[in-house]
Amino acid sequence: MYWALNDLHELESAYNEIRAYLPSFLKLFHYLKERRILDEKHIFNILKYVGDDLPELTDRVQCLRNDVINLEDKKRNVMNQLIIWNAQLSDLGREIDIKNQQLKRMGK
C-alpha cells in the first residue's frame, strides 16, 4: 500500500516478480556498486552485451577456461621437455669436452 500511495506501482510489480531472487539481485547490486559501475552507461552496456547472449557467453567463457587449462598443461609439458633437453645437452657438452681432452692427449 505504501508503494501505491507514493506512485511506485512499477517498483511494487518488479519487487513481486523478483522476490524469490532478491538475494541474488542484492549480490549483483553490491557487486556493481563496489566496482563503481552502477550507473546508466555501464548498466546499458551490460544489458547490451549480455542481454540476449548470456547463455552463449556463459558457454564461451567455459570453453575459454577449458582452453586456458589445456594450454597451461601443454606449457607445463613443454617446460618439462625443455628441462630434459637442457640436461641432455649439458651431458653431451660434457662428453664433447671429455672427447676433446682425450684427443688432445692422443695428439701429444
PDB file of N, CA and C in Angstrom:
ATOM      1  N   MET A   1       0.812  -1.187   0.000  1.00  0.00           N
ATOM      2  CA  MET A   1       0.000   0.000   0.000  1.00  0.00           C
ATOM      3  C   MET A   1       0.866   1.266   0.000  1.00  0.00           C
ATOM      4  N   TYR A   2       1.994   1.217   0.727  1.00  0.00           N
ATOM      5  CA  TYR A   2       2.903   2.363   0.776  1.00  0.00           C
ATOM      6  C   TYR A   2       3.343   2.740  -0.629  1.00  0.00           C
ATOM      7  N   TRP A   3       3.699   1.707  -1.441  1.00  0.00           N
ATOM      8  CA  TRP A   3       4.180   1.984  -2.781  1.00  0.00           C
ATOM      9  C   TRP A   3       3.079   2.596  -3.644  1.00  0.00           C
ATOM     10  N   ALA A   4       1.896   2.122  -3.492  1.00  0.00           N
ATOM     11  CA  ALA A   4       0.779   2.679  -4.267  1.00  0.00           C
ATOM     12  C   ALA A   4       0.547   4.129  -3.875  1.00  0.00           C
ATOM     13  N   LEU A   5       0.638   4.429  -2.583  1.00  0.00           N
ATOM     14  CA  LEU A   5       0.445   5.800  -2.127  1.00  0.00           C
ATOM     15  C   LEU A   5       1.526   6.736  -2.640  1.00  0.00           C
ATOM     16  N   ASN A   6       2.706   6.204  -2.879  1.00  0.00           N
ATOM     17  CA  ASN A   6       3.818   7.025  -3.357  1.00  0.00           C
ATOM     18  C   ASN A   6       4.051   6.868  -4.853  1.00  0.00           C
ATOM     19  N   ASP A   7       3.048   6.346  -5.545  1.00  0.00           N
ATOM     20  CA  ASP A   7       3.090   6.199  -7.002  1.00  0.00           C
ATOM     21  C   ASP A   7       4.292   5.359  -7.459  1.00  0.00           C
ATOM     22  N   LEU A   8       4.519   4.262  -6.752  1.00  0.00           N
ATOM     23  CA  LEU A   8       5.617   3.357  -7.078  1.00  0.00           C
ATOM     24  C   LEU A   8       5.084   1.996  -7.521  1.00  0.00           C
ATOM     25  N   HIS A   9       4.055   2.009  -8.344  1.00  0.00           N
ATOM     26  CA  HIS A   9       3.404   0.781  -8.804  1.00  0.00           C
ATOM     27  C   HIS A   9       4.396  -0.134  -9.534  1.00  0.00           C
ATOM     28  N   GLU A  10       5.214   0.464 -10.387  1.00  0.00           N
ATOM     29  CA  GLU A  10       6.157  -0.339 -11.172  1.00  0.00           C
ATOM     30  C   GLU A  10       7.182  -1.011 -10.255  1.00  0.00           C
ATOM     31  N   LEU A  11       7.639  -0.297  -9.240  1.00  0.00           N
ATOM     32  CA  LEU A  11       8.587  -0.876  -8.289  1.00  0.00           C
ATOM     33  C   LEU A  11       7.941  -2.026  -7.522  1.00  0.00           C
ATOM     34  N   GLU A  12       6.702  -1.851  -7.135  1.00  0.00           N
ATOM     35  CA  GLU A  12       5.982  -2.913  -6.427  1.00  0.00           C
ATOM     36  C   GLU A  12       5.844  -4.143  -7.317  1.00  0.00           C
ATOM     37  N   SER A  13       5.509  -3.924  -8.571  1.00  0.00           N
ATOM     38  CA  SER A  13       5.355  -5.024  -9.513  1.00  0.00           C
ATOM     39  C   SER A  13       6.687  -5.751  -9.712  1.00  0.00           C
ATOM     40  N   ALA A  14       7.767  -4.981  -9.888  1.00  0.00           N
ATOM     41  CA  ALA A  14       9.082  -5.591 -10.071  1.00  0.00           C
ATOM     42  C   ALA A  14       9.480  -6.376  -8.828  1.00  0.00           C
ATOM     43  N   TYR A  15       9.244  -5.810  -7.658  1.00  0.00           N
ATOM     44  CA  TYR A  15       9.566  -6.500  -6.409  1.00  0.00           C
ATOM     45  C   TYR A  15       8.815  -7.826  -6.307  1.00  0.00           C
ATOM     46  N   ASN A  16       7.556  -7.814  -6.640  1.00  0.00           N
ATOM     47  CA  ASN A  16       6.757  -9.038  -6.559  1.00  0.00           C
ATOM     48  C   ASN A  16       7.275 -10.116  -7.509  1.00  0.00           C
ATOM     49  N   GLU A  17       7.804  -9.686  -8.650  1.00  0.00           N
ATOM     50  CA  GLU A  17       8.331 -10.659  -9.620  1.00  0.00           C
ATOM     51  C   GLU A  17       9.682 -11.221  -9.199  1.00  0.00           C
ATOM     52  N   ILE A  18      10.517 -10.411  -8.564  1.00  0.00           N
ATOM     53  CA  ILE A  18      11.873 -10.866  -8.230  1.00  0.00           C
ATOM     54  C   ILE A  18      12.026 -11.270  -6.773  1.00  0.00           C
ATOM     55  N   ARG A  19      10.965 -11.246  -6.021  1.00  0.00           N
ATOM     56  CA  ARG A  19      11.034 -11.509  -4.580  1.00  0.00           C
ATOM     57  C   ARG A  19      11.839 -12.772  -4.259  1.00  0.00           C
ATOM     58  N   ALA A  20      11.613 -13.848  -4.995  1.00  0.00           N
ATOM     59  CA  ALA A  20      12.308 -15.106  -4.722  1.00  0.00           C
ATOM     60  C   ALA A  20      13.801 -15.021  -5.041  1.00  0.00           C
ATOM     61  N   TYR A  21      14.168 -14.080  -5.907  1.00  0.00           N
ATOM     62  CA  TYR A  21      15.563 -13.945  -6.332  1.00  0.00           C
ATOM     63  C   TYR A  21      16.233 -12.722  -5.706  1.00  0.00           C
ATOM     64  N   LEU A  22      15.602 -12.143  -4.719  1.00  0.00           N
ATOM     65  CA  LEU A  22      16.103 -10.903  -4.128  1.00  0.00           C
ATOM     66  C   LEU A  22      17.546 -11.020  -3.628  1.00  0.00           C
ATOM     67  N   PRO A  23      17.945 -12.095  -2.954  1.00  0.00           N
ATOM     68  CA  PRO A  23      19.349 -12.190  -2.523  1.00  0.00           C
ATOM     69  C   PRO A  23      20.333 -12.101  -3.697  1.00  0.00           C
ATOM     70  N   SER A  24      19.993 -12.725  -4.809  1.00  0.00           N
ATOM     71  CA  SER A  24      20.865 -12.664  -5.988  1.00  0.00           C
ATOM     72  C   SER A  24      20.900 -11.253  -6.568  1.00  0.00           C
ATOM     73  N   PHE A  25      19.751 -10.593  -6.617  1.00  0.00           N
ATOM     74  CA  PHE A  25      19.715  -9.221  -7.112  1.00  0.00           C
ATOM     75  C   PHE A  25      20.534  -8.296  -6.214  1.00  0.00           C
ATOM     76  N   LEU A  26      20.467  -8.533  -4.924  1.00  0.00           N
ATOM     77  CA  LEU A  26      21.242  -7.707  -3.991  1.00  0.00           C
ATOM     78  C   LEU A  26      22.738  -7.954  -4.154  1.00  0.00           C
ATOM     79  N   LYS A  27      23.130  -9.204  -4.393  1.00  0.00           N
ATOM     80  CA  LYS A  27      24.542  -9.503  -4.661  1.00  0.00           C
ATOM     81  C   LYS A  27      25.009  -8.774  -5.909  1.00  0.00           C
ATOM     82  N   LEU A  28      24.186  -8.828  -6.953  1.00  0.00           N
ATOM     83  CA  LEU A  28      24.519  -8.134  -8.193  1.00  0.00           C
ATOM     84  C   LEU A  28      24.639  -6.637  -7.945  1.00  0.00           C
ATOM     85  N   PHE A  29      23.696  -6.078  -7.210  1.00  0.00           N
ATOM     86  CA  PHE A  29      23.720  -4.654  -6.888  1.00  0.00           C
ATOM     87  C   PHE A  29      25.017  -4.282  -6.165  1.00  0.00           C
ATOM     88  N   HIS A  30      25.379  -5.060  -5.147  1.00  0.00           N
ATOM     89  CA  HIS A  30      26.593  -4.759  -4.381  1.00  0.00           C
ATOM     90  C   HIS A  30      27.847  -4.950  -5.231  1.00  0.00           C
ATOM     91  N   TYR A  31      27.843  -5.946  -6.083  1.00  0.00           N
ATOM     92  CA  TYR A  31      28.966  -6.189  -6.991  1.00  0.00           C
ATOM     93  C   TYR A  31      29.187  -4.973  -7.897  1.00  0.00           C
ATOM     94  N   LEU A  32      28.113  -4.502  -8.507  1.00  0.00           N
ATOM     95  CA  LEU A  32      28.213  -3.343  -9.395  1.00  0.00           C
ATOM     96  C   LEU A  32      28.607  -2.088  -8.623  1.00  0.00           C
ATOM     97  N   LYS A  33      28.054  -1.937  -7.442  1.00  0.00           N
ATOM     98  CA  LYS A  33      28.343  -0.760  -6.623  1.00  0.00           C
ATOM     99  C   LYS A  33      29.807  -0.738  -6.188  1.00  0.00           C
ATOM    100  N   GLU A  34      30.328  -1.888  -5.739  1.00  0.00           N
ATOM    101  CA  GLU A  34      31.725  -1.968  -5.305  1.00  0.00           C
ATOM    102  C   GLU A  34      32.691  -1.639  -6.433  1.00  0.00           C
ATOM    103  N   ARG A  35      32.319  -1.989  -7.645  1.00  0.00           N
ATOM    104  CA  ARG A  35      33.194  -1.741  -8.795  1.00  0.00           C
ATOM    105  C   ARG A  35      32.908  -0.399  -9.466  1.00  0.00           C
ATOM    106  N   ARG A  36      32.018   0.340  -8.853  1.00  0.00           N
ATOM    107  CA  ARG A  36      31.632   1.680  -9.333  1.00  0.00           C
ATOM    108  C   ARG A  36      31.141   1.648 -10.783  1.00  0.00           C
ATOM    109  N   ILE A  37      30.347   0.641 -11.073  1.00  0.00           N
ATOM    110  CA  ILE A  37      29.750   0.555 -12.413  1.00  0.00           C
ATOM    111  C   ILE A  37      28.226   0.525 -12.312  1.00  0.00           C
ATOM    112  N   LEU A  38      27.729   1.155 -11.274  1.00  0.00           N
ATOM    113  CA  LEU A  38      26.292   1.213 -11.059  1.00  0.00           C
ATOM    114  C   LEU A  38      25.779   2.565 -11.559  1.00  0.00           C
ATOM    115  N   ASP A  39      25.885   2.749 -12.856  1.00  0.00           N
ATOM    116  CA  ASP A  39      25.331   3.946 -13.469  1.00  0.00           C
ATOM    117  C   ASP A  39      24.681   3.548 -14.787  1.00  0.00           C
ATOM    118  N   GLU A  40      23.940   4.454 -15.353  1.00  0.00           N
ATOM    119  CA  GLU A  40      23.139   4.133 -16.542  1.00  0.00           C
ATOM    120  C   GLU A  40      23.993   3.649 -17.707  1.00  0.00           C
ATOM    121  N   LYS A  41      25.147   4.286 -17.924  1.00  0.00           N
ATOM    122  CA  LYS A  41      26.014   3.915 -19.042  1.00  0.00           C
ATOM    123  C   LYS A  41      26.500   2.471 -18.909  1.00  0.00           C
ATOM    124  N   HIS A  42      27.006   2.128 -17.729  1.00  0.00           N
ATOM    125  CA  HIS A  42      27.525   0.779 -17.527  1.00  0.00           C
ATOM    126  C   HIS A  42      26.412  -0.269 -17.571  1.00  0.00           C
ATOM    127  N   ILE A  43      25.301   0.044 -16.961  1.00  0.00           N
ATOM    128  CA  ILE A  43      24.182  -0.909 -16.962  1.00  0.00           C
ATOM    129  C   ILE A  43      23.680  -1.124 -18.386  1.00  0.00           C
ATOM    130  N   PHE A  44      23.609  -0.049 -19.176  1.00  0.00           N
ATOM    131  CA  PHE A  44      23.209  -0.174 -20.581  1.00  0.00           C
ATOM    132  C   PHE A  44      24.175  -1.093 -21.324  1.00  0.00           C
ATOM    133  N   ASN A  45      25.490  -0.910 -21.103  1.00  0.00           N
ATOM    134  CA  ASN A  45      26.484  -1.756 -21.769  1.00  0.00           C
ATOM    135  C   ASN A  45      26.360  -3.213 -21.323  1.00  0.00           C
ATOM    136  N   ILE A  46      26.126  -3.420 -20.038  1.00  0.00           N
ATOM    137  CA  ILE A  46      25.944  -4.784 -19.541  1.00  0.00           C
ATOM    138  C   ILE A  46      24.760  -5.431 -20.243  1.00  0.00           C
ATOM    139  N   LEU A  47      23.660  -4.715 -20.302  1.00  0.00           N
ATOM    140  CA  LEU A  47      22.464  -5.265 -20.954  1.00  0.00           C
ATOM    141  C   LEU A  47      22.690  -5.487 -22.438  1.00  0.00           C
ATOM    142  N   LYS A  48      23.419  -4.570 -23.062  1.00  0.00           N
ATOM    143  CA  LYS A  48      23.680  -4.681 -24.498  1.00  0.00           C
ATOM    144  C   LYS A  48      24.530  -5.916 -24.803  1.00  0.00           C
ATOM    145  N   TYR A  49      25.574  -6.134 -24.020  1.00  0.00           N
ATOM    146  CA  TYR A  49      26.490  -7.239 -24.304  1.00  0.00           C
ATOM    147  C   TYR A  49      26.008  -8.578 -23.762  1.00  0.00           C
ATOM    148  N   VAL A  50      25.244  -8.545 -22.699  1.00  0.00           N
ATOM    149  CA  VAL A  50      24.856  -9.778 -22.039  1.00  0.00           C
ATOM    150  C   VAL A  50      23.404 -10.134 -22.300  1.00  0.00           C
ATOM    151  N   GLY A  51      22.578  -9.152 -22.511  1.00  0.00           N
ATOM    152  CA  GLY A  51      21.141  -9.349 -22.625  1.00  0.00           C
ATOM    153  C   GLY A  51      20.686 -10.603 -23.328  1.00  0.00           C
ATOM    154  N   ASP A  52      20.835 -10.660 -24.624  1.00  0.00           N
ATOM    155  CA  ASP A  52      20.331 -11.797 -25.390  1.00  0.00           C
ATOM    156  C   ASP A  52      21.322 -12.949 -25.468  1.00  0.00           C
ATOM    157  N   ASP A  53      22.589 -12.662 -25.208  1.00  0.00           N
ATOM    158  CA  ASP A  53      23.634 -13.652 -25.452  1.00  0.00           C
ATOM    159  C   ASP A  53      24.183 -14.306 -24.192  1.00  0.00           C
ATOM    160  N   LEU A  54      23.554 -14.123 -23.036  1.00  0.00           N
ATOM    161  CA  LEU A  54      24.104 -14.638 -21.783  1.00  0.00           C
ATOM    162  C   LEU A  54      24.377 -16.140 -21.824  1.00  0.00           C
ATOM    163  N   PRO A  55      23.439 -16.981 -22.254  1.00  0.00           N
ATOM    164  CA  PRO A  55      23.760 -18.422 -22.290  1.00  0.00           C
ATOM    165  C   PRO A  55      24.948 -18.727 -23.211  1.00  0.00           C
ATOM    166  N   GLU A  56      24.967 -18.077 -24.361  1.00  0.00           N
ATOM    167  CA  GLU A  56      26.069 -18.294 -25.296  1.00  0.00           C
ATOM    168  C   GLU A  56      27.383 -17.796 -24.714  1.00  0.00           C
ATOM    169  N   LEU A  57      27.360 -16.621 -24.073  1.00  0.00           N
ATOM    170  CA  LEU A  57      28.571 -16.084 -23.466  1.00  0.00           C
ATOM    171  C   LEU A  57      29.053 -16.963 -22.310  1.00  0.00           C
ATOM    172  N   THR A  58      28.115 -17.495 -21.548  1.00  0.00           N
ATOM    173  CA  THR A  58      28.471 -18.382 -20.446  1.00  0.00           C
ATOM    174  C   THR A  58      29.174 -19.627 -20.987  1.00  0.00           C
ATOM    175  N   ASP A  59      28.633 -20.206 -22.052  1.00  0.00           N
ATOM    176  CA  ASP A  59      29.266 -21.371 -22.678  1.00  0.00           C
ATOM    177  C   ASP A  59      30.646 -21.017 -23.223  1.00  0.00           C
ATOM    178  N   ARG A  60      30.737 -19.841 -23.830  1.00  0.00           N
ATOM    179  CA  ARG A  60      32.017 -19.389 -24.410  1.00  0.00           C
ATOM    180  C   ARG A  60      33.066 -19.200 -23.320  1.00  0.00           C
ATOM    181  N   VAL A  61      32.664 -18.617 -22.194  1.00  0.00           N
ATOM    182  CA  VAL A  61      33.594 -18.428 -21.082  1.00  0.00           C
ATOM    183  C   VAL A  61      34.083 -19.781 -20.578  1.00  0.00           C
ATOM    184  N   GLN A  62      33.182 -20.749 -20.459  1.00  0.00           N
ATOM    185  CA  GLN A  62      33.579 -22.085 -20.004  1.00  0.00           C
ATOM    186  C   GLN A  62      34.550 -22.725 -20.986  1.00  0.00           C
ATOM    187  N   CYS A  63      34.284 -22.571 -22.278  1.00  0.00           N
ATOM    188  CA  CYS A  63      35.201 -23.109 -23.293  1.00  0.00           C
ATOM    189  C   CYS A  63      36.571 -22.446 -23.191  1.00  0.00           C
ATOM    190  N   LEU A  64      36.572 -21.132 -22.997  1.00  0.00           N
ATOM    191  CA  LEU A  64      37.843 -20.416 -22.869  1.00  0.00           C
ATOM    192  C   LEU A  64      38.599 -20.849 -21.614  1.00  0.00           C
ATOM    193  N   ARG A  65      37.877 -21.078 -20.529  1.00  0.00           N
ATOM    194  CA  ARG A  65      38.527 -21.582 -19.310  1.00  0.00           C
ATOM    195  C   ARG A  65      39.163 -22.939 -19.570  1.00  0.00           C
ATOM    196  N   ASN A  66      38.427 -23.804 -20.263  1.00  0.00           N
ATOM    197  CA  ASN A  66      38.975 -25.119 -20.596  1.00  0.00           C
ATOM    198  C   ASN A  66      40.201 -24.990 -21.494  1.00  0.00           C
ATOM    199  N   ASP A  67      40.148 -24.061 -22.456  1.00  0.00           N
ATOM    200  CA  ASP A  67      41.293 -23.824 -23.329  1.00  0.00           C
ATOM    201  C   ASP A  67      42.504 -23.369 -22.523  1.00  0.00           C
ATOM    202  N   VAL A  68      42.283 -22.483 -21.568  1.00  0.00           N
ATOM    203  CA  VAL A  68      43.382 -21.994 -20.729  1.00  0.00           C
ATOM    204  C   VAL A  68      43.989 -23.146 -19.934  1.00  0.00           C
ATOM    205  N   ILE A  69      43.148 -23.988 -19.366  1.00  0.00           N
ATOM    206  CA  ILE A  69      43.641 -25.143 -18.606  1.00  0.00           C
ATOM    207  C   ILE A  69      44.468 -26.058 -19.509  1.00  0.00           C
ATOM    208  N   ASN A  70      43.957 -26.323 -20.726  1.00  0.00           N
ATOM    209  CA  ASN A  70      44.695 -27.175 -21.672  1.00  0.00           C
ATOM    210  C   ASN A  70      46.023 -26.544 -22.071  1.00  0.00           C
ATOM    211  N   LEU A  71      46.008 -25.239 -22.322  1.00  0.00           N
ATOM    212  CA  LEU A  71      47.247 -24.557 -22.700  1.00  0.00           C
ATOM    213  C   LEU A  71      48.249 -24.540 -21.554  1.00  0.00           C
ATOM    214  N   GLU A  72      47.767 -24.395 -20.329  1.00  0.00           N
ATOM    215  CA  GLU A  72      48.672 -24.443 -19.180  1.00  0.00           C
ATOM    216  C   GLU A  72      49.292 -25.829 -19.042  1.00  0.00           C
ATOM    217  N   ASP A  73      48.498 -26.874 -19.292  1.00  0.00           N
ATOM    218  CA  ASP A  73      49.038 -28.240 -19.266  1.00  0.00           C
ATOM    219  C   ASP A  73      50.098 -28.424 -20.353  1.00  0.00           C
ATOM    220  N   LYS A  74      49.795 -27.944 -21.559  1.00  0.00           N
ATOM    221  CA  LYS A  74      50.769 -28.048 -22.651  1.00  0.00           C
ATOM    222  C   LYS A  74      52.039 -27.272 -22.326  1.00  0.00           C
ATOM    223  N   LYS A  75      51.875 -26.083 -21.763  1.00  0.00           N
ATOM    224  CA  LYS A  75      53.030 -25.266 -21.384  1.00  0.00           C
ATOM    225  C   LYS A  75      53.882 -26.010 -20.358  1.00  0.00           C
ATOM    226  N   ARG A  76      53.235 -26.605 -19.365  1.00  0.00           N
ATOM    227  CA  ARG A  76      53.952 -27.361 -18.341  1.00  0.00           C
ATOM    228  C   ARG A  76      54.710 -28.535 -18.979  1.00  0.00           C
ATOM    229  N   ASN A  77      54.060 -29.235 -19.917  1.00  0.00           N
ATOM    230  CA  ASN A  77      54.720 -30.351 -20.604  1.00  0.00           C
ATOM    231  C   ASN A  77      55.908 -29.880 -21.431  1.00  0.00           C
ATOM    232  N   VAL A  78      55.749 -28.763 -22.125  1.00  0.00           N
ATOM    233  CA  VAL A  78      56.849 -28.218 -22.926  1.00  0.00           C
ATOM    234  C   VAL A  78      58.001 -27.786 -22.019  1.00  0.00           C
ATOM    235  N   MET A  79      57.672 -27.153 -20.895  1.00  0.00           N
ATOM    236  CA  MET A  79      58.725 -26.731 -19.961  1.00  0.00           C
ATOM    237  C   MET A  79      59.475 -27.948 -19.421  1.00  0.00           C
ATOM    238  N   ASN A  80      58.754 -29.004 -19.088  1.00  0.00           N
ATOM    239  CA  ASN A  80      59.402 -30.235 -18.621  1.00  0.00           C
ATOM    240  C   ASN A  80      60.297 -30.828 -19.702  1.00  0.00           C
ATOM    241  N   GLN A  81      59.821 -30.818 -20.949  1.00  0.00           N
ATOM    242  CA  GLN A  81      60.626 -31.335 -22.056  1.00  0.00           C
ATOM    243  C   GLN A  81      61.876 -30.478 -22.254  1.00  0.00           C
ATOM    244  N   LEU A  82      61.748 -29.170 -22.117  1.00  0.00           N
ATOM    245  CA  LEU A  82      62.909 -28.283 -22.243  1.00  0.00           C
ATOM    246  C   LEU A  82      63.935 -28.563 -21.145  1.00  0.00           C
ATOM    247  N   ILE A  83      63.474 -28.830 -19.949  1.00  0.00           N
ATOM    248  CA  ILE A  83      64.381 -29.163 -18.848  1.00  0.00           C
ATOM    249  C   ILE A  83      65.142 -30.447 -19.179  1.00  0.00           C
ATOM    250  N   ILE A  84      64.425 -31.444 -19.700  1.00  0.00           N
ATOM    251  CA  ILE A  84      65.065 -32.703 -20.080  1.00  0.00           C
ATOM    252  C   ILE A  84      66.081 -32.471 -21.188  1.00  0.00           C
ATOM    253  N   TRP A  85      65.695 -31.719 -22.225  1.00  0.00           N
ATOM    254  CA  TRP A  85      66.612 -31.448 -23.332  1.00  0.00           C
ATOM    255  C   TRP A  85      67.828 -30.653 -22.861  1.00  0.00           C
ATOM    256  N   ASN A  86      67.604 -29.717 -21.962  1.00  0.00           N
ATOM    257  CA  ASN A  86      68.719 -28.929 -21.444  1.00  0.00           C
ATOM    258  C   ASN A  86      69.705 -29.825 -20.689  1.00  0.00           C
ATOM    259  N   ALA A  87      69.157 -30.745 -19.899  1.00  0.00           N
ATOM    260  CA  ALA A  87      70.017 -31.679 -19.171  1.00  0.00           C
ATOM    261  C   ALA A  87      70.776 -32.571 -20.150  1.00  0.00           C
ATOM    262  N   GLN A  88      70.109 -33.060 -21.196  1.00  0.00           N
ATOM    263  CA  GLN A  88      70.766 -33.900 -22.197  1.00  0.00           C
ATOM    264  C   GLN A  88      71.851 -33.110 -22.936  1.00  0.00           C
ATOM    265  N   LEU A  89      71.545 -31.868 -23.260  1.00  0.00           N
ATOM    266  CA  LEU A  89      72.513 -31.018 -23.939  1.00  0.00           C
ATOM    267  C   LEU A  89      73.733 -30.778 -23.057  1.00  0.00           C
ATOM    268  N   SER A  90      73.498 -30.577 -21.794  1.00  0.00           N
ATOM    269  CA  SER A  90      74.595 -30.397 -20.846  1.00  0.00           C
ATOM    270  C   SER A  90      75.450 -31.657 -20.781  1.00  0.00           C
ATOM    271  N   ASP A  91      74.788 -32.825 -20.733  1.00  0.00           N
ATOM    272  CA  ASP A  91      75.523 -34.100 -20.723  1.00  0.00           C
ATOM    273  C   ASP A  91      76.356 -34.259 -21.993  1.00  0.00           C
ATOM    274  N   LEU A  92      75.772 -33.917 -23.139  1.00  0.00           N
ATOM    275  CA  LEU A  92      76.503 -34.013 -24.412  1.00  0.00           C
ATOM    276  C   LEU A  92      77.691 -33.058 -24.433  1.00  0.00           C
ATOM    277  N   GLY A  93      77.500 -31.873 -23.868  1.00  0.00           N
ATOM    278  CA  GLY A  93      78.606 -30.910 -23.793  1.00  0.00           C
ATOM    279  C   GLY A  93      79.754 -31.454 -22.968  1.00  0.00           C
ATOM    280  N   ARG A  94      79.457 -32.094 -21.854  1.00  0.00           N
ATOM    281  CA  ARG A  94      80.497 -32.703 -21.028  1.00  0.00           C
ATOM    282  C   ARG A  94      81.191 -33.838 -21.769  1.00  0.00           C
ATOM    283  N   GLU A  95      80.416 -34.646 -22.480  1.00  0.00           N
ATOM    284  CA  GLU A  95      81.010 -35.742 -23.259  1.00  0.00           C
ATOM    285  C   GLU A  95      81.931 -35.196 -24.340  1.00  0.00           C
ATOM    286  N   ILE A  96      81.516 -34.112 -24.984  1.00  0.00           N
ATOM    287  CA  ILE A  96      82.360 -33.496 -26.019  1.00  0.00           C
ATOM    288  C   ILE A  96      83.646 -32.985 -25.390  1.00  0.00           C
ATOM    289  N   ASP A  97      83.552 -32.344 -24.218  1.00  0.00           N
ATOM    290  CA  ASP A  97      84.751 -31.849 -23.536  1.00  0.00           C
ATOM    291  C   ASP A  97      85.689 -33.003 -23.201  1.00  0.00           C
ATOM    292  N   ILE A  98      85.123 -34.115 -22.714  1.00  0.00           N
ATOM    293  CA  ILE A  98      85.935 -35.291 -22.381  1.00  0.00           C
ATOM    294  C   ILE A  98      86.620 -35.835 -23.641  1.00  0.00           C
ATOM    295  N   LYS A  99      85.878 -35.940 -24.735  1.00  0.00           N
ATOM    296  CA  LYS A  99      86.441 -36.453 -26.001  1.00  0.00           C
ATOM    297  C   LYS A  99      87.523 -35.515 -26.517  1.00  0.00           C
ATOM    298  N   ASN A 100      87.291 -34.193 -26.401  1.00  0.00           N
ATOM    299  CA  ASN A 100      88.310 -33.228 -26.850  1.00  0.00           C
ATOM    300  C   ASN A 100      89.583 -33.374 -26.021  1.00  0.00           C
ATOM    301  N   GLN A 101      89.457 -33.568 -24.727  1.00  0.00           N
ATOM    302  CA  GLN A 101      90.630 -33.756 -23.871  1.00  0.00           C
ATOM    303  C   GLN A 101      91.359 -35.044 -24.245  1.00  0.00           C
ATOM    304  N   GLN A 102      90.594 -36.092 -24.547  1.00  0.00           N
ATOM    305  CA  GLN A 102      91.211 -37.352 -24.958  1.00  0.00           C
ATOM    306  C   GLN A 102      91.965 -37.182 -26.277  1.00  0.00           C
ATOM    307  N   LEU A 103      91.382 -36.441 -27.207  1.00  0.00           N
ATOM    308  CA  LEU A 103      92.040 -36.198 -28.492  1.00  0.00           C
ATOM    309  C   LEU A 103      93.312 -35.379 -28.307  1.00  0.00           C
ATOM    310  N   LYS A 104      93.293 -34.400 -27.426  1.00  0.00           N
ATOM    311  CA  LYS A 104      94.483 -33.592 -27.175  1.00  0.00           C
ATOM    312  C   LYS A 104      95.601 -34.457 -26.602  1.00  0.00           C
ATOM    313  N   ARG A 105      95.243 -35.358 -25.684  1.00  0.00           N
ATOM    314  CA  ARG A 105      96.248 -36.242 -25.092  1.00  0.00           C
ATOM    315  C   ARG A 105      96.828 -37.193 -26.139  1.00  0.00           C
ATOM    316  N   MET A 106      95.979 -37.636 -27.056  1.00  0.00           N
ATOM    317  CA  MET A 106      96.443 -38.546 -28.102  1.00  0.00           C
ATOM    318  C   MET A 106      97.360 -37.826 -29.096  1.00  0.00           C
ATOM    319  N   GLY A 107      97.119 -36.522 -29.283  1.00  0.00           N
ATOM    320  CA  GLY A 107      97.884 -35.753 -30.231  1.00  0.00           C
ATOM    321  C   GLY A 107      99.256 -35.340 -29.706  1.00  0.00           C
ATOM    322  N   LYS A 108      99.518 -35.459 -28.469  1.00  0.00           N
ATOM    323  CA  LYS A 108     100.808 -35.035 -27.889  1.00  0.00           C
ATOM    324  C   LYS A 108     101.911 -35.939 -28.255  1.00  0.00           C
TER     325      LYS A 108
END
